[in-house]
């Protein structure tokens, strides 16, 4: 008796694969923010440079990371010949 064939998954273009990896990376970074906020709120409230606290600076880091990852993906898509 033969095994039923499984549908093959189509190969993703390199830029799409990069996009998924960047998304996972950002989700891990954001998940760290949420975990820190839930598990150690006192640390998030701790004052650090320029009068802000850890939550503020981590939030700024999230915004900057989103921008940087978007630029990386934009450059990868620009060089992708498949469009």
C-alpha atoms as a PDB file:
ATOM      1  CA  UNK A   1       0.000   0.000   0.000  1.00  0.00           C
ATOM      2  CA  UNK A   2       1.393   3.385  -0.940  1.00  0.00           C
ATOM      3  CA  UNK A   3       1.451   6.482   1.208  1.00  0.00           C
ATOM      4  CA  UNK A   4      -0.748   9.357   0.113  1.00  0.00           C
ATOM      5  CA  UNK A   5       1.332  12.099  -1.430  1.00  0.00           C
ATOM      6  CA  UNK A   6       1.703  15.285   0.535  1.00  0.00           C
ATOM      7  CA  UNK A   7       1.358  18.593  -1.240  1.00  0.00           C
ATOM      8  CA  UNK A   8       4.763  20.096  -1.790  1.00  0.00           C
ATOM      9  CA  UNK A   9       5.389  23.494  -0.305  1.00  0.00           C
ATOM     10  CA  UNK A  10       6.398  26.063  -2.895  1.00  0.00           C
ATOM     11  CA  UNK A  11       9.817  27.593  -2.531  1.00  0.00           C
ATOM     12  CA  UNK A  12       9.662  31.140  -1.274  1.00  0.00           C
ATOM     13  CA  UNK A  13      11.682  33.839  -2.983  1.00  0.00           C
ATOM     14  CA  UNK A  14      14.747  34.868  -0.954  1.00  0.00           C
ATOM     15  CA  UNK A  15      13.273  38.265  -0.069  1.00  0.00           C
ATOM     16  CA  UNK A  16      10.084  36.664   1.237  1.00  0.00           C
ATOM     17  CA  UNK A  17      12.111  34.233   3.324  1.00  0.00           C
ATOM     18  CA  UNK A  18      14.091  37.201   4.669  1.00  0.00           C
ATOM     19  CA  UNK A  19      10.826  38.997   5.453  1.00  0.00           C
ATOM     20  CA  UNK A  20       9.607  36.054   7.497  1.00  0.00           C
ATOM     21  CA  UNK A  21      12.899  35.855   9.392  1.00  0.00           C
ATOM     22  CA  UNK A  22      12.807  39.597  10.130  1.00  0.00           C
ATOM     23  CA  UNK A  23       9.221  39.264  11.342  1.00  0.00           C
ATOM     24  CA  UNK A  24      10.178  36.419  13.684  1.00  0.00           C
ATOM     25  CA  UNK A  25      13.143  38.454  14.948  1.00  0.00           C
ATOM     26  CA  UNK A  26      10.913  41.445  15.700  1.00  0.00           C
ATOM     27  CA  UNK A  27       8.303  39.228  17.368  1.00  0.00           C
ATOM     28  CA  UNK A  28      11.007  37.844  19.668  1.00  0.00           C
ATOM     29  CA  UNK A  29      12.150  41.367  20.530  1.00  0.00           C
ATOM     30  CA  UNK A  30       8.554  42.445  21.194  1.00  0.00           C
ATOM     31  CA  UNK A  31       7.863  39.260  23.154  1.00  0.00           C
ATOM     32  CA  UNK A  32      10.833  40.109  25.372  1.00  0.00           C
ATOM     33  CA  UNK A  33       9.257  43.494  26.061  1.00  0.00           C
ATOM     34  CA  UNK A  34       5.921  41.917  27.006  1.00  0.00           C
ATOM     35  CA  UNK A  35       7.564  39.208  29.125  1.00  0.00           C
ATOM     36  CA  UNK A  36       9.651  41.782  30.953  1.00  0.00           C
ATOM     37  CA  UNK A  37       6.604  43.955  31.574  1.00  0.00           C
ATOM     38  CA  UNK A  38       4.619  41.021  32.953  1.00  0.00           C
ATOM     39  CA  UNK A  39       7.331  39.187  34.875  1.00  0.00           C
ATOM     40  CA  UNK A  40       9.381  42.097  36.219  1.00  0.00           C
ATOM     41  CA  UNK A  41       7.456  45.402  36.219  1.00  0.00           C
ATOM     42  CA  UNK A  42       9.828  46.900  38.804  1.00  0.00           C
ATOM     43  CA  UNK A  43      12.692  46.541  36.340  1.00  0.00           C
ATOM     44  CA  UNK A  44      10.617  48.235  33.630  1.00  0.00           C
ATOM     45  CA  UNK A  45       9.984  51.156  35.997  1.00  0.00           C
ATOM     46  CA  UNK A  46      13.667  51.545  36.886  1.00  0.00           C
ATOM     47  CA  UNK A  47      15.085  54.912  35.881  1.00  0.00           C
ATOM     48  CA  UNK A  48      17.893  54.931  33.338  1.00  0.00           C
ATOM     49  CA  UNK A  49      19.539  57.594  31.157  1.00  0.00           C
ATOM     50  CA  UNK A  50      18.032  60.996  30.403  1.00  0.00           C
ATOM     51  CA  UNK A  51      15.167  60.649  32.899  1.00  0.00           C
ATOM     52  CA  UNK A  52      13.394  57.783  31.124  1.00  0.00           C
ATOM     53  CA  UNK A  53      12.757  54.329  32.445  1.00  0.00           C
ATOM     54  CA  UNK A  54      13.506  50.912  30.950  1.00  0.00           C
ATOM     55  CA  UNK A  55      10.019  50.669  29.432  1.00  0.00           C
ATOM     56  CA  UNK A  56      10.426  53.985  27.590  1.00  0.00           C
ATOM     57  CA  UNK A  57      13.862  53.111  26.200  1.00  0.00           C
ATOM     58  CA  UNK A  58      12.812  49.569  25.280  1.00  0.00           C
ATOM     59  CA  UNK A  59       9.799  51.055  23.489  1.00  0.00           C
ATOM     60  CA  UNK A  60      12.038  53.432  21.563  1.00  0.00           C
ATOM     61  CA  UNK A  61      14.194  50.440  20.712  1.00  0.00           C
ATOM     62  CA  UNK A  62      11.141  48.630  19.350  1.00  0.00           C
ATOM     63  CA  UNK A  63      10.264  51.587  17.134  1.00  0.00           C
ATOM     64  CA  UNK A  64      13.821  51.937  15.840  1.00  0.00           C
ATOM     65  CA  UNK A  65      14.102  48.171  15.280  1.00  0.00           C
ATOM     66  CA  UNK A  66      10.866  48.164  13.264  1.00  0.00           C
ATOM     67  CA  UNK A  67      12.200  50.968  11.082  1.00  0.00           C
ATOM     68  CA  UNK A  68      15.598  49.300  10.567  1.00  0.00           C
ATOM     69  CA  UNK A  69      14.035  45.924   9.746  1.00  0.00           C
ATOM     70  CA  UNK A  70      11.632  47.602   7.300  1.00  0.00           C
ATOM     71  CA  UNK A  71      14.536  49.296   5.515  1.00  0.00           C
ATOM     72  CA  UNK A  72      16.427  45.990   5.330  1.00  0.00           C
ATOM     73  CA  UNK A  73      13.364  44.316   3.814  1.00  0.00           C
ATOM     74  CA  UNK A  74      12.786  47.222   1.413  1.00  0.00           C
ATOM     75  CA  UNK A  75      16.362  46.967   0.143  1.00  0.00           C
ATOM     76  CA  UNK A  76      16.036  43.200  -0.245  1.00  0.00           C
ATOM     77  CA  UNK A  77      12.799  43.561  -2.213  1.00  0.00           C
ATOM     78  CA  UNK A  78      14.281  46.282  -4.386  1.00  0.00           C
ATOM     79  CA  UNK A  79      17.030  43.917  -5.455  1.00  0.00           C
ATOM     80  CA  UNK A  80      14.571  41.015  -5.956  1.00  0.00           C
ATOM     81  CA  UNK A  81      14.002  40.473  -9.679  1.00  0.00           C
ATOM     82  CA  UNK A  82      10.741  38.551  -9.160  1.00  0.00           C
ATOM     83  CA  UNK A  83       9.021  41.718  -7.931  1.00  0.00           C
END
